[in-house]
Amino acid sequence: MSKRSPKSVEEKLEIVNLYLEKGKSISSLIREYRVSDTTIRTWVRKYKQLGIAGLRESNTWTRYSKEIKEQAVQDYLSGRGSLKTIIETYHISSGSVLEKWLKRYTSGIEIKATSKGINKSYEPRTKNHFGRTCGDCQLHHYS
Protein backbone atom coordinates (compact mmCIF):
# COMPACT_ATOMS: atom_id res chain seq x y z
CA MET A 1 0.00 0.00 0.00
CA SER A 2 1.04 3.59 -0.48
CA LYS A 3 0.05 6.90 1.01
CA ARG A 4 -2.02 7.73 -2.09
CA SER A 5 -3.91 4.47 -2.49
CA PRO A 6 -5.40 2.37 0.26
CA LYS A 7 -5.17 -0.67 -2.05
CA SER A 8 -2.03 -2.73 -2.55
CA VAL A 9 -0.82 -3.73 -6.02
CA GLU A 10 -2.16 -7.23 -5.34
CA GLU A 11 -5.63 -5.90 -4.48
CA LYS A 12 -5.66 -3.70 -7.57
CA LEU A 13 -4.63 -6.65 -9.73
CA GLU A 14 -7.38 -8.79 -8.21
CA ILE A 15 -10.00 -6.13 -9.00
CA VAL A 16 -8.67 -5.65 -12.55
CA ASN A 17 -8.68 -9.41 -13.18
CA LEU A 18 -12.21 -9.78 -11.81
CA TYR A 19 -13.31 -7.14 -14.30
CA LEU A 20 -11.27 -8.24 -17.34
CA GLU A 21 -11.19 -12.01 -16.96
CA LYS A 22 -14.18 -12.92 -14.82
CA GLY A 23 -16.54 -10.35 -16.31
CA LYS A 24 -17.60 -8.84 -12.99
CA SER A 25 -19.44 -5.57 -13.40
CA ILE A 26 -17.89 -2.33 -12.28
CA SER A 27 -20.92 -1.60 -10.09
CA SER A 28 -20.46 -4.88 -8.18
CA LEU A 29 -16.72 -4.17 -7.77
CA ILE A 30 -17.51 -0.68 -6.47
CA ARG A 31 -19.77 -2.12 -3.77
CA GLU A 32 -17.47 -5.00 -2.86
CA TYR A 33 -14.14 -3.12 -2.76
CA ARG A 34 -15.36 0.42 -1.97
CA VAL A 35 -13.55 2.18 -4.79
CA SER A 36 -14.96 4.53 -7.42
CA ASP A 37 -15.67 3.57 -11.00
CA THR A 38 -13.09 6.13 -12.14
CA THR A 39 -10.45 4.43 -10.00
CA ILE A 40 -11.28 0.99 -11.38
CA ARG A 41 -11.28 2.26 -14.97
CA THR A 42 -7.92 3.98 -14.37
CA TRP A 43 -6.41 0.76 -13.00
CA VAL A 44 -7.76 -1.21 -15.98
CA ARG A 45 -6.37 1.35 -18.46
CA LYS A 46 -2.96 1.43 -16.79
CA TYR A 47 -2.86 -2.36 -16.54
CA LYS A 48 -3.64 -2.68 -20.27
CA GLN A 49 -0.91 -0.15 -21.12
CA LEU A 50 1.85 -1.17 -18.71
CA GLY A 51 0.90 -4.49 -17.14
CA ILE A 52 1.37 -4.89 -13.40
CA ALA A 53 3.83 -1.96 -13.38
CA GLY A 54 0.88 0.31 -14.20
CA LEU A 55 -0.72 -0.61 -10.88
CA ARG A 56 2.26 0.47 -8.80
CA GLU A 57 2.36 3.94 -7.30
CA SER A 58 4.92 6.14 -8.97
CA ASN A 59 7.41 8.19 -6.99
CA THR A 60 8.24 10.40 -9.95
CA TRP A 61 6.37 12.71 -12.27
CA THR A 62 5.82 11.47 -15.80
CA ARG A 63 7.63 13.77 -18.20
CA TYR A 64 5.86 14.99 -21.32
CA SER A 65 7.36 17.02 -24.16
CA LYS A 66 5.85 20.36 -25.12
CA GLU A 67 4.89 18.83 -28.48
CA ILE A 68 2.97 15.92 -26.92
CA LYS A 69 1.12 18.27 -24.58
CA GLU A 70 0.19 20.63 -27.41
CA GLN A 71 -0.89 17.82 -29.74
CA ALA A 72 -3.06 16.21 -27.04
CA VAL A 73 -4.70 19.57 -26.26
CA GLN A 74 -5.27 20.32 -29.98
CA ASP A 75 -6.75 16.87 -30.60
CA TYR A 76 -9.14 17.24 -27.68
CA LEU A 77 -10.21 20.79 -28.56
CA SER A 78 -10.76 19.89 -32.23
CA GLY A 79 -13.01 16.98 -31.24
CA ARG A 80 -10.68 14.20 -32.37
CA GLY A 81 -11.39 12.29 -29.19
CA SER A 82 -12.89 12.29 -25.73
CA LEU A 83 -10.83 12.97 -22.63
CA LYS A 84 -10.56 9.21 -22.14
CA THR A 85 -9.41 8.43 -25.68
CA ILE A 86 -6.87 11.27 -25.70
CA ILE A 87 -5.25 10.12 -22.44
CA GLU A 88 -5.13 6.57 -23.79
CA THR A 89 -3.70 7.65 -27.16
CA TYR A 90 -0.95 9.81 -25.66
CA HIS A 91 -0.35 7.63 -22.56
CA ILE A 92 -1.17 10.51 -20.22
CA SER A 93 -1.22 9.43 -16.59
CA SER A 94 -4.71 10.75 -15.80
CA GLY A 95 -7.58 12.88 -17.00
CA SER A 96 -6.70 15.57 -14.47
CA VAL A 97 -3.28 15.99 -16.11
CA LEU A 98 -4.88 16.67 -19.50
CA GLU A 99 -7.46 18.95 -17.86
CA LYS A 100 -4.61 20.99 -16.35
CA TRP A 101 -2.98 21.39 -19.77
CA LEU A 102 -6.34 22.40 -21.27
CA LYS A 103 -6.87 25.02 -18.57
CA ARG A 104 -3.39 26.49 -19.12
CA TYR A 105 -3.83 26.52 -22.90
CA THR A 106 -7.30 28.09 -22.88
CA SER A 107 -6.11 30.69 -20.34
CA GLY A 108 -3.36 31.76 -22.73
CA ILE A 109 -0.55 30.37 -20.57
CA GLU A 110 2.27 28.75 -22.50
CA ILE A 111 2.46 24.97 -22.28
CA LYS A 112 5.99 23.83 -21.48
CA ALA A 113 7.67 20.44 -21.34
CA THR A 114 7.47 18.78 -17.93
CA SER A 115 10.45 19.91 -15.91
CA LYS A 116 12.94 17.54 -14.37
CA GLY A 117 11.78 18.41 -10.87
CA ILE A 118 13.74 20.10 -8.13
CA ASN A 119 16.24 22.75 -9.15
CA LYS A 120 19.77 21.36 -8.82
CA SER A 121 21.04 24.70 -7.51
CA TYR A 122 18.64 24.52 -4.56
CA GLU A 123 20.43 24.13 -1.25
CA PRO A 124 18.34 22.67 1.56
CA ARG A 125 18.19 24.71 4.73
CA THR A 126 19.91 23.25 7.74
CA LYS A 127 19.79 24.02 11.44
CA ASN A 128 22.50 26.37 12.65
CA HIS A 129 24.28 26.08 15.97
CA PHE A 130 21.43 28.01 17.63
CA GLY A 131 18.83 25.46 16.42
CA ARG A 132 17.36 27.98 13.96
CA THR A 133 16.87 27.37 10.25
CA CYS A 134 19.35 29.31 8.18
CA GLY A 135 19.95 29.22 4.43
CA ASP A 136 23.53 30.43 4.98
CA CYS A 137 24.58 27.77 7.52
CA GLN A 138 26.80 26.01 5.02
CA LEU A 139 28.36 29.35 4.13
CA HIS A 140 28.91 30.03 7.86
CA HIS A 141 30.15 26.48 8.46
CA TYR A 142 27.48 25.79 11.10
CA SER A 143 26.03 22.66 9.55
C-alpha atoms as a PDB file:
ATOM      1  CA  MET A   1       0.000   0.000   0.000  1.00  0.00           C
ATOM      2  CA  SER A   2       1.037   3.586  -0.481  1.00  0.00           C
ATOM      3  CA  LYS A   3       0.048   6.900   1.006  1.00  0.00           C
ATOM      4  CA  ARG A   4      -2.016   7.726  -2.086  1.00  0.00           C
ATOM      5  CA  SER A   5      -3.910   4.466  -2.492  1.00  0.00           C
ATOM      6  CA  PRO A   6      -5.397   2.365   0.265  1.00  0.00           C
ATOM      7  CA  LYS A   7      -5.171  -0.670  -2.049  1.00  0.00           C
ATOM      8  CA  SER A   8      -2.027  -2.730  -2.552  1.00  0.00           C
ATOM      9  CA  VAL A   9      -0.825  -3.727  -6.022  1.00  0.00           C
ATOM     10  CA  GLU A  10      -2.157  -7.226  -5.342  1.00  0.00           C
ATOM     11  CA  GLU A  11      -5.627  -5.899  -4.475  1.00  0.00           C
ATOM     12  CA  LYS A  12      -5.659  -3.696  -7.567  1.00  0.00           C
ATOM     13  CA  LEU A  13      -4.627  -6.652  -9.732  1.00  0.00           C
ATOM     14  CA  GLU A  14      -7.375  -8.788  -8.206  1.00  0.00           C
ATOM     15  CA  ILE A  15     -10.000  -6.130  -9.005  1.00  0.00           C
ATOM     16  CA  VAL A  16      -8.675  -5.649 -12.552  1.00  0.00           C
ATOM     17  CA  ASN A  17      -8.679  -9.415 -13.176  1.00  0.00           C
ATOM     18  CA  LEU A  18     -12.209  -9.780 -11.811  1.00  0.00           C
ATOM     19  CA  TYR A  19     -13.307  -7.143 -14.297  1.00  0.00           C
ATOM     20  CA  LEU A  20     -11.273  -8.241 -17.336  1.00  0.00           C
ATOM     21  CA  GLU A  21     -11.188 -12.014 -16.960  1.00  0.00           C
ATOM     22  CA  LYS A  22     -14.183 -12.921 -14.819  1.00  0.00           C
ATOM     23  CA  GLY A  23     -16.545 -10.348 -16.312  1.00  0.00           C
ATOM     24  CA  LYS A  24     -17.595  -8.844 -12.988  1.00  0.00           C
ATOM     25  CA  SER A  25     -19.438  -5.573 -13.401  1.00  0.00           C
ATOM     26  CA  ILE A  26     -17.892  -2.330 -12.282  1.00  0.00           C
ATOM     27  CA  SER A  27     -20.916  -1.598 -10.089  1.00  0.00           C
ATOM     28  CA  SER A  28     -20.463  -4.876  -8.180  1.00  0.00           C
ATOM     29  CA  LEU A  29     -16.723  -4.173  -7.774  1.00  0.00           C
ATOM     30  CA  ILE A  30     -17.507  -0.681  -6.466  1.00  0.00           C
ATOM     31  CA  ARG A  31     -19.769  -2.124  -3.774  1.00  0.00           C
ATOM     32  CA  GLU A  32     -17.466  -4.998  -2.856  1.00  0.00           C
ATOM     33  CA  TYR A  33     -14.141  -3.117  -2.765  1.00  0.00           C
ATOM     34  CA  ARG A  34     -15.357   0.420  -1.970  1.00  0.00           C
ATOM     35  CA  VAL A  35     -13.553   2.182  -4.789  1.00  0.00           C
ATOM     36  CA  SER A  36     -14.959   4.532  -7.421  1.00  0.00           C
ATOM     37  CA  ASP A  37     -15.667   3.570 -11.003  1.00  0.00           C
ATOM     38  CA  THR A  38     -13.088   6.135 -12.138  1.00  0.00           C
ATOM     39  CA  THR A  39     -10.451   4.433  -9.997  1.00  0.00           C
ATOM     40  CA  ILE A  40     -11.280   0.993 -11.384  1.00  0.00           C
ATOM     41  CA  ARG A  41     -11.281   2.264 -14.968  1.00  0.00           C
ATOM     42  CA  THR A  42      -7.920   3.975 -14.374  1.00  0.00           C
ATOM     43  CA  TRP A  43      -6.407   0.761 -12.996  1.00  0.00           C
ATOM     44  CA  VAL A  44      -7.763  -1.207 -15.977  1.00  0.00           C
ATOM     45  CA  ARG A  45      -6.369   1.347 -18.459  1.00  0.00           C
ATOM     46  CA  LYS A  46      -2.958   1.431 -16.788  1.00  0.00           C
ATOM     47  CA  TYR A  47      -2.861  -2.364 -16.544  1.00  0.00           C
ATOM     48  CA  LYS A  48      -3.640  -2.678 -20.267  1.00  0.00           C
ATOM     49  CA  GLN A  49      -0.912  -0.152 -21.120  1.00  0.00           C
ATOM     50  CA  LEU A  50       1.847  -1.174 -18.708  1.00  0.00           C
ATOM     51  CA  GLY A  51       0.899  -4.492 -17.137  1.00  0.00           C
ATOM     52  CA  ILE A  52       1.370  -4.894 -13.402  1.00  0.00           C
ATOM     53  CA  ALA A  53       3.830  -1.961 -13.384  1.00  0.00           C
ATOM     54  CA  GLY A  54       0.882   0.309 -14.195  1.00  0.00           C
ATOM     55  CA  LEU A  55      -0.723  -0.608 -10.883  1.00  0.00           C
ATOM     56  CA  ARG A  56       2.264   0.465  -8.795  1.00  0.00           C
ATOM     57  CA  GLU A  57       2.363   3.937  -7.297  1.00  0.00           C
ATOM     58  CA  SER A  58       4.920   6.139  -8.971  1.00  0.00           C
ATOM     59  CA  ASN A  59       7.410   8.188  -6.986  1.00  0.00           C
ATOM     60  CA  THR A  60       8.240  10.403  -9.953  1.00  0.00           C
ATOM     61  CA  TRP A  61       6.367  12.705 -12.266  1.00  0.00           C
ATOM     62  CA  THR A  62       5.823  11.466 -15.800  1.00  0.00           C
ATOM     63  CA  ARG A  63       7.626  13.767 -18.202  1.00  0.00           C
ATOM     64  CA  TYR A  64       5.860  14.989 -21.321  1.00  0.00           C
ATOM     65  CA  SER A  65       7.357  17.021 -24.157  1.00  0.00           C
ATOM     66  CA  LYS A  66       5.851  20.360 -25.124  1.00  0.00           C
ATOM     67  CA  GLU A  67       4.889  18.829 -28.485  1.00  0.00           C
ATOM     68  CA  ILE A  68       2.974  15.922 -26.916  1.00  0.00           C
ATOM     69  CA  LYS A  69       1.117  18.272 -24.583  1.00  0.00           C
ATOM     70  CA  GLU A  70       0.186  20.631 -27.414  1.00  0.00           C
ATOM     71  CA  GLN A  71      -0.895  17.815 -29.742  1.00  0.00           C
ATOM     72  CA  ALA A  72      -3.064  16.210 -27.042  1.00  0.00           C
ATOM     73  CA  VAL A  73      -4.698  19.574 -26.263  1.00  0.00           C
ATOM     74  CA  GLN A  74      -5.269  20.323 -29.977  1.00  0.00           C
ATOM     75  CA  ASP A  75      -6.750  16.869 -30.600  1.00  0.00           C
ATOM     76  CA  TYR A  76      -9.140  17.242 -27.675  1.00  0.00           C
ATOM     77  CA  LEU A  77     -10.212  20.790 -28.559  1.00  0.00           C
ATOM     78  CA  SER A  78     -10.761  19.894 -32.229  1.00  0.00           C
ATOM     79  CA  GLY A  79     -13.011  16.981 -31.241  1.00  0.00           C
ATOM     80  CA  ARG A  80     -10.676  14.200 -32.369  1.00  0.00           C
ATOM     81  CA  GLY A  81     -11.394  12.287 -29.189  1.00  0.00           C
ATOM     82  CA  SER A  82     -12.887  12.293 -25.735  1.00  0.00           C
ATOM     83  CA  LEU A  83     -10.830  12.974 -22.634  1.00  0.00           C
ATOM     84  CA  LYS A  84     -10.559   9.208 -22.139  1.00  0.00           C
ATOM     85  CA  THR A  85      -9.407   8.431 -25.683  1.00  0.00           C
ATOM     86  CA  ILE A  86      -6.867  11.269 -25.700  1.00  0.00           C
ATOM     87  CA  ILE A  87      -5.245  10.119 -22.435  1.00  0.00           C
ATOM     88  CA  GLU A  88      -5.126   6.568 -23.794  1.00  0.00           C
ATOM     89  CA  THR A  89      -3.697   7.650 -27.164  1.00  0.00           C
ATOM     90  CA  TYR A  90      -0.950   9.806 -25.659  1.00  0.00           C
ATOM     91  CA  HIS A  91      -0.352   7.626 -22.556  1.00  0.00           C
ATOM     92  CA  ILE A  92      -1.167  10.505 -20.219  1.00  0.00           C
ATOM     93  CA  SER A  93      -1.219   9.430 -16.588  1.00  0.00           C
ATOM     94  CA  SER A  94      -4.712  10.749 -15.804  1.00  0.00           C
ATOM     95  CA  GLY A  95      -7.580  12.884 -16.997  1.00  0.00           C
ATOM     96  CA  SER A  96      -6.704  15.566 -14.470  1.00  0.00           C
ATOM     97  CA  VAL A  97      -3.279  15.989 -16.113  1.00  0.00           C
ATOM     98  CA  LEU A  98      -4.879  16.666 -19.501  1.00  0.00           C
ATOM     99  CA  GLU A  99      -7.456  18.949 -17.863  1.00  0.00           C
ATOM    100  CA  LYS A 100      -4.608  20.992 -16.347  1.00  0.00           C
ATOM    101  CA  TRP A 101      -2.984  21.388 -19.772  1.00  0.00           C
ATOM    102  CA  LEU A 102      -6.336  22.404 -21.270  1.00  0.00           C
ATOM    103  CA  LYS A 103      -6.865  25.018 -18.569  1.00  0.00           C
ATOM    104  CA  ARG A 104      -3.387  26.487 -19.124  1.00  0.00           C
ATOM    105  CA  TYR A 105      -3.830  26.516 -22.898  1.00  0.00           C
ATOM    106  CA  THR A 106      -7.305  28.089 -22.875  1.00  0.00           C
ATOM    107  CA  SER A 107      -6.108  30.693 -20.343  1.00  0.00           C
ATOM    108  CA  GLY A 108      -3.362  31.762 -22.733  1.00  0.00           C
ATOM    109  CA  ILE A 109      -0.550  30.371 -20.570  1.00  0.00           C
ATOM    110  CA  GLU A 110       2.274  28.747 -22.499  1.00  0.00           C
ATOM    111  CA  ILE A 111       2.460  24.968 -22.275  1.00  0.00           C
ATOM    112  CA  LYS A 112       5.991  23.828 -21.481  1.00  0.00           C
ATOM    113  CA  ALA A 113       7.673  20.441 -21.336  1.00  0.00           C
ATOM    114  CA  THR A 114       7.467  18.781 -17.932  1.00  0.00           C
ATOM    115  CA  SER A 115      10.452  19.909 -15.906  1.00  0.00           C
ATOM    116  CA  LYS A 116      12.943  17.541 -14.372  1.00  0.00           C
ATOM    117  CA  GLY A 117      11.779  18.408 -10.871  1.00  0.00           C
ATOM    118  CA  ILE A 118      13.742  20.100  -8.130  1.00  0.00           C
ATOM    119  CA  ASN A 119      16.240  22.748  -9.154  1.00  0.00           C
ATOM    120  CA  LYS A 120      19.767  21.356  -8.824  1.00  0.00           C
ATOM    121  CA  SER A 121      21.043  24.701  -7.505  1.00  0.00           C
ATOM    122  CA  TYR A 122      18.638  24.515  -4.564  1.00  0.00           C
ATOM    123  CA  GLU A 123      20.431  24.134  -1.250  1.00  0.00           C
ATOM    124  CA  PRO A 124      18.339  22.669   1.560  1.00  0.00           C
ATOM    125  CA  ARG A 125      18.190  24.709   4.729  1.00  0.00           C
ATOM    126  CA  THR A 126      19.907  23.253   7.735  1.00  0.00           C
ATOM    127  CA  LYS A 127      19.789  24.023  11.445  1.00  0.00           C
ATOM    128  CA  ASN A 128      22.502  26.372  12.648  1.00  0.00           C
ATOM    129  CA  HIS A 129      24.280  26.078  15.972  1.00  0.00           C
ATOM    130  CA  PHE A 130      21.427  28.013  17.630  1.00  0.00           C
ATOM    131  CA  GLY A 131      18.834  25.458  16.415  1.00  0.00           C
ATOM    132  CA  ARG A 132      17.356  27.979  13.960  1.00  0.00           C
ATOM    133  CA  THR A 133      16.874  27.374  10.252  1.00  0.00           C
ATOM    134  CA  CYS A 134      19.346  29.312   8.176  1.00  0.00           C
ATOM    135  CA  GLY A 135      19.948  29.223   4.429  1.00  0.00           C
ATOM    136  CA  ASP A 136      23.530  30.426   4.982  1.00  0.00           C
ATOM    137  CA  CYS A 137      24.578  27.771   7.515  1.00  0.00           C
ATOM    138  CA  GLN A 138      26.802  26.007   5.019  1.00  0.00           C
ATOM    139  CA  LEU A 139      28.357  29.354   4.134  1.00  0.00           C
ATOM    140  CA  HIS A 140      28.906  30.034   7.864  1.00  0.00           C
ATOM    141  CA  HIS A 141      30.153  26.476   8.463  1.00  0.00           C
ATOM    142  CA  TYR A 142      27.478  25.792  11.100  1.00  0.00           C
ATOM    143  CA  SER A 143      26.035  22.659   9.549  1.00  0.00           C
END
